[in-house]
Protein backbone atom coordinates (compact mmCIF):
# COMPACT_ATOMS: atom_id res chain seq x y z
CA MET A 1 -13.63 20.85 -19.43
CA SER A 2 -12.17 23.16 -16.78
CA ALA A 3 -15.31 25.30 -16.60
CA LYS A 4 -17.36 22.36 -15.37
CA LEU A 5 -17.58 21.18 -11.79
CA MET A 6 -16.91 17.73 -10.39
CA HIS A 7 -17.83 16.01 -7.13
CA ALA A 8 -14.84 15.73 -4.81
CA ILE A 9 -14.04 15.00 -1.17
CA GLN A 10 -11.74 17.41 0.63
CA TYR A 11 -10.67 18.60 4.06
CA ASP A 12 -9.49 22.11 4.88
CA SER A 13 -7.58 21.63 8.14
CA TYR A 14 -5.78 18.99 10.18
CA GLY A 15 -7.86 16.54 12.20
CA GLY A 16 -11.54 15.76 12.07
CA GLY A 17 -11.35 12.17 10.82
CA PRO A 18 -14.34 11.06 8.71
CA SER A 19 -16.41 14.05 9.86
CA GLY A 20 -13.69 16.39 8.58
CA LEU A 21 -14.29 15.24 5.00
CA LYS A 22 -16.49 17.57 2.98
CA HIS A 23 -18.42 16.91 -0.23
CA VAL A 24 -17.74 19.78 -2.60
CA GLY A 25 -18.15 20.83 -6.19
CA VAL A 26 -14.82 22.00 -7.61
CA PRO A 27 -13.63 22.77 -11.15
CA ILE A 28 -12.45 19.81 -13.20
CA PRO A 29 -8.66 20.26 -13.35
CA THR A 30 -6.95 21.33 -16.55
CA PRO A 31 -3.88 19.22 -17.36
CA LYS A 32 -0.67 21.23 -17.25
CA LYS A 33 2.44 20.60 -19.31
CA ASN A 34 3.36 16.88 -19.32
CA GLU A 35 0.09 16.00 -17.56
CA VAL A 36 -3.05 14.12 -18.56
CA LEU A 37 -6.60 14.37 -17.28
CA LEU A 38 -8.14 11.18 -15.92
CA LYS A 39 -11.76 10.23 -15.49
CA LEU A 40 -11.41 8.19 -12.33
CA GLU A 41 -12.99 4.75 -12.03
CA ALA A 42 -11.63 3.69 -8.63
CA ALA A 43 -9.40 4.90 -5.80
CA SER A 44 -8.01 2.93 -2.87
CA LEU A 45 -7.33 4.20 0.63
CA ASN A 46 -4.08 3.78 2.55
CA PRO A 47 -3.31 4.56 6.21
CA VAL A 48 -0.99 7.34 5.04
CA ASP A 49 -4.06 9.19 3.70
CA TRP A 50 -5.69 9.67 7.10
CA LYS A 51 -2.30 10.11 8.78
CA ILE A 52 -1.74 13.14 6.54
CA GLN A 53 -5.17 14.49 7.54
CA LYS A 54 -4.34 13.85 11.20
CA GLY A 55 -1.19 15.96 10.85
CA GLN A 56 1.29 13.13 11.44
CA LEU A 57 3.33 14.05 8.35
CA ARG A 58 3.37 17.82 8.80
CA PRO A 59 4.95 20.03 7.60
CA LEU A 60 5.64 18.01 4.44
CA PHE A 61 2.10 16.88 3.69
CA PRO A 62 -0.37 18.02 2.57
CA GLY A 63 1.07 20.61 0.23
CA LYS A 64 -1.82 22.96 0.85
CA PHE A 65 -5.38 23.21 2.12
CA PRO A 66 -7.99 22.38 1.04
CA GLN A 67 -6.75 18.90 0.20
CA ILE A 68 -8.46 16.23 -1.91
CA PRO A 69 -6.98 13.06 -0.39
CA ALA A 70 -5.93 9.67 -1.83
CA THR A 71 -3.20 8.86 -4.32
CA ASP A 72 -3.92 5.34 -5.65
CA VAL A 73 -6.27 5.49 -8.62
CA ALA A 74 -7.32 3.82 -11.84
CA GLY A 75 -9.11 5.56 -14.67
CA GLU A 76 -9.31 6.53 -18.32
CA ILE A 77 -7.42 9.35 -19.99
CA VAL A 78 -9.83 11.95 -21.38
CA GLU A 79 -7.44 14.81 -22.18
CA VAL A 80 -3.71 15.07 -22.87
CA GLY A 81 -1.73 18.17 -21.93
CA GLN A 82 1.12 19.70 -23.89
CA GLY A 83 4.24 17.53 -23.87
CA ALA A 84 2.54 14.40 -22.55
CA LYS A 85 3.57 11.63 -24.94
CA LYS A 86 3.39 8.32 -23.11
CA PHE A 87 -0.39 7.86 -23.24
CA LYS A 88 -3.33 8.95 -25.37
CA VAL A 89 -7.01 9.69 -24.91
CA GLY A 90 -8.93 6.47 -24.22
CA ASP A 91 -6.05 4.65 -22.53
CA LYS A 92 -6.87 2.89 -19.24
CA VAL A 93 -4.22 3.43 -16.59
CA VAL A 94 -3.20 2.85 -12.97
CA VAL A 95 -1.61 5.86 -11.29
CA LEU A 96 0.19 6.83 -8.12
CA LEU A 97 -0.65 10.49 -7.57
CA SER A 98 1.56 12.76 -5.47
CA HIS A 99 1.05 12.69 -1.69
CA PHE A 100 1.86 16.39 -1.81
CA SER A 101 -1.20 17.26 -3.88
CA GLY A 102 -3.45 14.15 -3.60
CA GLY A 103 -6.56 14.27 -5.77
CA GLY A 104 -7.88 10.69 -5.74
CA LEU A 105 -11.28 11.14 -4.08
CA ALA A 106 -12.88 12.94 -7.01
CA GLU A 107 -14.47 12.27 -10.39
CA PHE A 108 -11.42 13.57 -12.30
CA ALA A 109 -7.73 14.08 -11.55
CA SER A 110 -4.79 15.51 -13.46
CA SER A 111 -1.50 13.70 -13.22
CA ASN A 112 2.02 13.65 -14.56
CA GLU A 113 2.77 10.50 -16.57
CA ARG A 114 5.79 9.63 -14.40
CA PHE A 115 4.06 7.14 -12.09
CA MET A 116 1.38 6.02 -14.54
CA VAL A 117 1.20 2.59 -16.18
CA ALA A 118 -1.15 0.93 -18.64
CA ARG A 119 -4.00 -1.14 -17.22
CA PRO A 120 -4.80 -4.23 -19.33
CA ALA A 121 -8.42 -5.24 -19.86
CA GLU A 122 -7.86 -8.28 -17.60
CA VAL A 123 -7.26 -5.98 -14.58
CA SER A 124 -10.32 -4.25 -13.15
CA ALA A 125 -10.18 -0.63 -12.01
CA ALA A 126 -10.56 -1.70 -8.35
CA GLU A 127 -7.80 -4.33 -8.65
CA GLY A 128 -5.48 -1.80 -10.24
CA ALA A 129 -6.25 1.00 -7.81
CA GLY A 130 -5.30 -1.24 -4.89
CA LEU A 131 -1.74 -1.66 -6.11
CA PRO A 132 0.32 1.55 -6.01
CA VAL A 133 1.28 2.31 -2.39
CA ALA A 134 0.55 -1.09 -0.81
CA GLY A 135 1.81 -3.16 -3.73
CA ILE A 136 5.03 -1.22 -4.29
CA THR A 137 5.74 -1.23 -0.54
CA ALA A 138 5.31 -5.01 -0.42
CA HIS A 139 7.42 -5.45 -3.57
CA GLN A 140 10.29 -3.34 -2.24
CA ALA A 141 10.18 -5.02 1.17
CA ILE A 142 10.32 -8.49 -0.38
CA THR A 143 12.81 -7.91 -3.20
CA GLN A 144 15.10 -5.14 -1.98
CA SER A 145 15.04 -5.34 1.82
CA ALA A 146 14.57 -9.11 2.19
CA GLY A 147 16.55 -9.94 -0.96
CA ILE A 148 14.08 -12.47 -2.35
CA LYS A 149 14.25 -13.22 -6.05
CA LEU A 150 10.76 -13.53 -7.49
CA ASP A 151 11.87 -15.91 -10.22
CA GLY A 152 12.21 -18.63 -7.55
CA THR A 153 16.01 -18.81 -7.66
CA GLY A 154 18.24 -18.28 -4.66
CA LYS A 155 18.62 -20.00 -1.32
CA GLN A 156 15.37 -20.69 0.53
CA LYS A 157 14.50 -18.13 3.16
CA ASN A 158 12.12 -18.29 6.07
CA ILE A 159 9.91 -15.20 6.12
CA LEU A 160 7.44 -13.90 8.69
CA ILE A 161 4.74 -11.47 7.54
CA THR A 162 2.72 -9.77 10.29
CA ALA A 163 -0.77 -8.34 9.68
CA ALA A 164 -0.81 -10.54 6.58
CA SER A 165 -4.45 -9.91 5.72
CA GLY A 166 -4.00 -6.14 5.49
CA GLY A 167 -3.29 -3.94 2.49
CA VAL A 168 0.48 -4.43 2.31
CA GLY A 169 0.50 -7.83 4.02
CA HIS A 170 -1.77 -9.64 1.59
CA TYR A 171 0.39 -8.56 -1.34
CA ALA A 172 3.60 -9.43 0.57
CA VAL A 173 2.45 -13.03 1.16
CA GLN A 174 1.71 -13.56 -2.53
CA LEU A 175 4.94 -11.93 -3.72
CA ALA A 176 7.07 -13.83 -1.20
CA LYS A 177 5.66 -17.14 -2.45
CA LEU A 178 6.83 -16.33 -5.99
CA GLY A 179 10.32 -16.70 -4.54
CA ASN A 180 11.97 -19.64 -2.81
CA THR A 181 10.45 -18.98 0.61
CA HIS A 182 8.69 -20.58 3.54
CA VAL A 183 6.14 -18.02 4.72
CA THR A 184 4.77 -17.80 8.25
CA ALA A 185 2.03 -15.20 8.62
CA THR A 186 0.00 -13.61 11.40
CA CYS A 187 -3.54 -12.27 11.15
CA GLY A 188 -6.86 -12.29 13.00
CA ALA A 189 -8.72 -15.57 13.41
CA ARG A 190 -11.37 -14.64 10.81
CA ASN A 191 -8.71 -14.30 8.11
CA VAL A 192 -6.61 -17.42 8.73
CA GLU A 193 -8.11 -19.37 5.82
CA LEU A 194 -7.83 -16.38 3.47
CA VAL A 195 -4.13 -15.94 4.23
CA LYS A 196 -3.56 -19.68 3.70
CA SER A 197 -5.30 -19.35 0.31
CA LEU A 198 -2.84 -16.59 -0.62
CA GLY A 199 -0.02 -19.09 -0.19
CA ALA A 200 1.22 -18.80 3.39
CA ASP A 201 2.72 -22.05 4.67
CA GLU A 202 1.88 -21.39 8.33
CA VAL A 203 -0.68 -18.94 9.70
CA LEU A 204 -0.90 -17.76 13.31
CA ASP A 205 -3.84 -16.04 14.98
CA TYR A 206 -2.06 -13.05 16.51
CA LYS A 207 -4.26 -13.20 19.63
CA THR A 208 -3.07 -16.69 20.63
CA PRO A 209 0.03 -17.08 22.84
CA ASP A 210 2.17 -18.41 19.96
CA GLY A 211 0.79 -15.76 17.63
CA ALA A 212 1.59 -12.95 20.07
CA ALA A 213 5.08 -14.43 20.54
CA LEU A 214 5.49 -14.79 16.72
CA LYS A 215 6.64 -18.40 17.12
CA SER A 216 6.70 -20.50 13.97
CA PRO A 217 4.66 -23.72 14.44
CA SER A 218 7.49 -25.62 12.74
CA GLY A 219 10.11 -24.02 14.97
CA ARG A 220 11.80 -22.07 12.19
CA LYS A 221 13.82 -18.93 12.77
CA TYR A 222 13.08 -16.08 10.41
CA ASP A 223 15.65 -14.71 7.97
CA ALA A 224 13.41 -11.69 7.46
CA VAL A 225 10.23 -10.27 8.95
CA ILE A 226 7.99 -8.02 6.89
CA ASN A 227 6.36 -6.15 9.77
CA CYS A 228 3.04 -4.73 8.64
CA ALA A 229 1.65 -4.48 12.18
CA THR A 230 2.08 -1.76 14.79
CA GLY A 231 3.04 -1.98 18.43
CA ILE A 232 5.26 -5.10 18.33
CA ALA A 233 8.42 -4.60 20.39
CA TRP A 234 11.89 -5.52 19.13
CA LEU A 235 12.24 -7.91 22.09
CA THR A 236 9.35 -9.95 20.64
CA PHE A 237 11.04 -10.26 17.25
CA GLU A 238 14.63 -10.87 18.35
CA PRO A 239 14.41 -14.44 19.74
CA ASN A 240 12.62 -15.56 16.56
CA LEU A 241 15.26 -14.27 14.15
CA SER A 242 17.99 -16.32 12.53
CA ALA A 243 21.63 -15.36 13.21
CA LYS A 244 21.54 -12.55 10.65
CA GLY A 245 17.78 -12.03 10.61
CA LYS A 246 16.26 -8.64 9.93
CA VAL A 247 12.94 -6.95 10.69
CA ILE A 248 11.70 -4.77 7.84
CA ASP A 249 9.36 -2.14 9.27
CA ILE A 250 6.99 -0.82 6.59
CA ALA A 251 5.63 2.02 8.78
CA PRO A 252 8.66 3.12 10.78
CA ASN A 253 8.31 5.48 13.75
CA ALA A 254 10.79 7.11 16.12
CA SER A 255 11.24 3.84 18.02
CA SER A 256 12.09 2.02 14.78
CA PHE A 257 14.86 4.45 13.91
CA THR A 258 16.21 4.30 17.47
CA THR A 259 16.42 0.49 17.28
CA PHE A 260 17.96 0.73 13.80
CA LEU A 261 20.74 3.01 15.07
CA LEU A 262 21.29 0.98 18.25
CA LYS A 263 21.79 -2.23 16.25
CA LYS A 264 24.24 -0.42 13.97
CA LEU A 265 26.21 1.05 16.86
CA THR A 266 26.46 -2.29 18.69
CA PHE A 267 27.43 -4.17 15.49
CA SER A 268 24.51 -6.54 15.98
CA LYS A 269 24.10 -9.21 13.30
CA LYS A 270 20.35 -8.95 13.79
CA SER A 271 18.91 -5.72 12.44
CA LEU A 272 15.86 -3.54 12.05
CA VAL A 273 15.42 -1.92 8.64
CA PRO A 274 13.04 1.05 8.33
CA LEU A 275 11.42 0.94 4.88
CA LEU A 276 10.48 4.18 3.17
CA MET A 277 8.71 3.28 -0.07
CA ILE A 278 10.20 4.91 -3.16
CA PRO A 279 7.68 5.20 -6.02
CA LYS A 280 8.80 3.42 -9.18
CA ALA A 281 6.74 3.09 -12.33
CA GLU A 282 8.55 -0.12 -13.30
CA SER A 283 7.53 -1.72 -9.99
CA LEU A 284 3.90 -0.71 -10.52
CA ASP A 285 3.95 -2.01 -14.09
CA TYR A 286 5.42 -5.32 -12.89
CA LEU A 287 2.64 -5.69 -10.31
CA VAL A 288 -0.13 -4.84 -12.78
CA ASN A 289 1.18 -7.52 -15.11
CA LEU A 290 1.29 -10.07 -12.30
CA VAL A 291 -2.41 -9.38 -11.72
CA LYS A 292 -3.03 -9.76 -15.45
CA GLU A 293 -1.26 -13.14 -15.41
CA GLY A 294 -3.22 -14.35 -12.38
CA LYS A 295 -0.11 -14.52 -10.19
CA LEU A 296 -1.20 -11.73 -7.84
CA LYS A 297 -4.63 -10.63 -6.70
CA THR A 298 -6.02 -7.62 -4.94
CA VAL A 299 -8.23 -8.70 -2.06
CA ILE A 300 -10.99 -6.11 -1.76
CA ASP A 301 -12.30 -5.46 1.72
CA SER A 302 -15.16 -3.21 0.65
CA LYS A 303 -16.31 -0.78 -2.01
CA HIS A 304 -17.85 2.59 -1.22
CA PRO A 305 -19.42 5.13 -3.58
CA ILE A 306 -17.82 8.56 -3.33
CA SER A 307 -21.09 9.76 -1.76
CA LYS A 308 -20.20 7.58 1.24
CA ALA A 309 -16.42 7.94 1.18
CA GLU A 310 -16.49 8.71 4.93
CA ASP A 311 -17.46 5.09 5.60
CA GLY A 312 -14.33 3.82 3.86
CA TRP A 313 -12.22 6.46 5.62
CA ALA A 314 -13.54 5.34 9.01
CA LYS A 315 -12.87 1.70 8.15
CA SER A 316 -9.26 2.50 7.23
CA ILE A 317 -8.74 4.37 10.51
CA ASP A 318 -10.22 1.40 12.41
CA GLY A 319 -7.30 -0.66 11.11
CA HIS A 320 -8.97 -4.03 10.58
CA ALA A 321 -9.62 -4.03 6.85
CA THR A 322 -9.02 -7.27 4.97
CA GLY A 323 -7.13 -6.23 1.85
CA LYS A 324 -7.97 -2.92 0.20
CA ILE A 325 -10.73 -0.35 0.72
CA ILE A 326 -12.02 1.02 -2.58
CA VAL A 327 -13.90 4.26 -3.30
CA GLU A 328 -15.69 4.56 -6.63
CA PRO A 329 -16.81 7.88 -8.20
């Protein structure tokens, strides 16, 4: 298959935004040792994709130019490389590709089996492709950082989720409600009813005074905040936290790490926790099965054919997507 060409989207330098994406014909990859070749059915976009293009994660990412972006994909295995034993030709899978090499905005991609899980027939390609980065981030924030047990056991906790209608936020609301939690959420006015339908107990329009101040309508203090928004100062969070409350920042920046260290050095009982998502196949498999069981859903903002991938890219940069943006080959 390697002699044939496939349609792919790539960029060959930092910057450029949507206009920096180029439609190209490149050879279909040949799976290396321990890899499989996927015929892609759907890819989802994450803010990290355009941040890499923008140069915000240099010099680590991308690994090289030109780069085919996107890492969250679903597809069917069409070829198995030497040593690959977990899956076979014809298997439907959900995969988290490497941010170093990308490869998701194309008709085919080769991938190691390490972060690849089976996709049941009950889970569509688009639903599955939405899960890897956003879903695992939400899962780790809820279970590891906030300490919520998703079997419903444990002491009840009051949780705030900001930007709750976004990619990570909409998963975080649903996962939090599997545990023993009271969830307050913030989002834009147009998404209030959606976020309530996902299970949030209280929903604030972030543009109202109480929403901007993050004040719970029922007066609760938060044991943990899953902060999926940008630009909210620590001084806004602090008065709303319980005695040992913590803010879990899913997209930490220099200010986040400064606050983290300051709270450590001053022995503050209230803390800020920068979250750096660690890919885990078992987490992805757990999430896929929750979707299969109807306990978790991927809210799809929009679907774009690969021929118009720039439209989805622009929408992701704009920052107001409801749920996940999907690109389909």
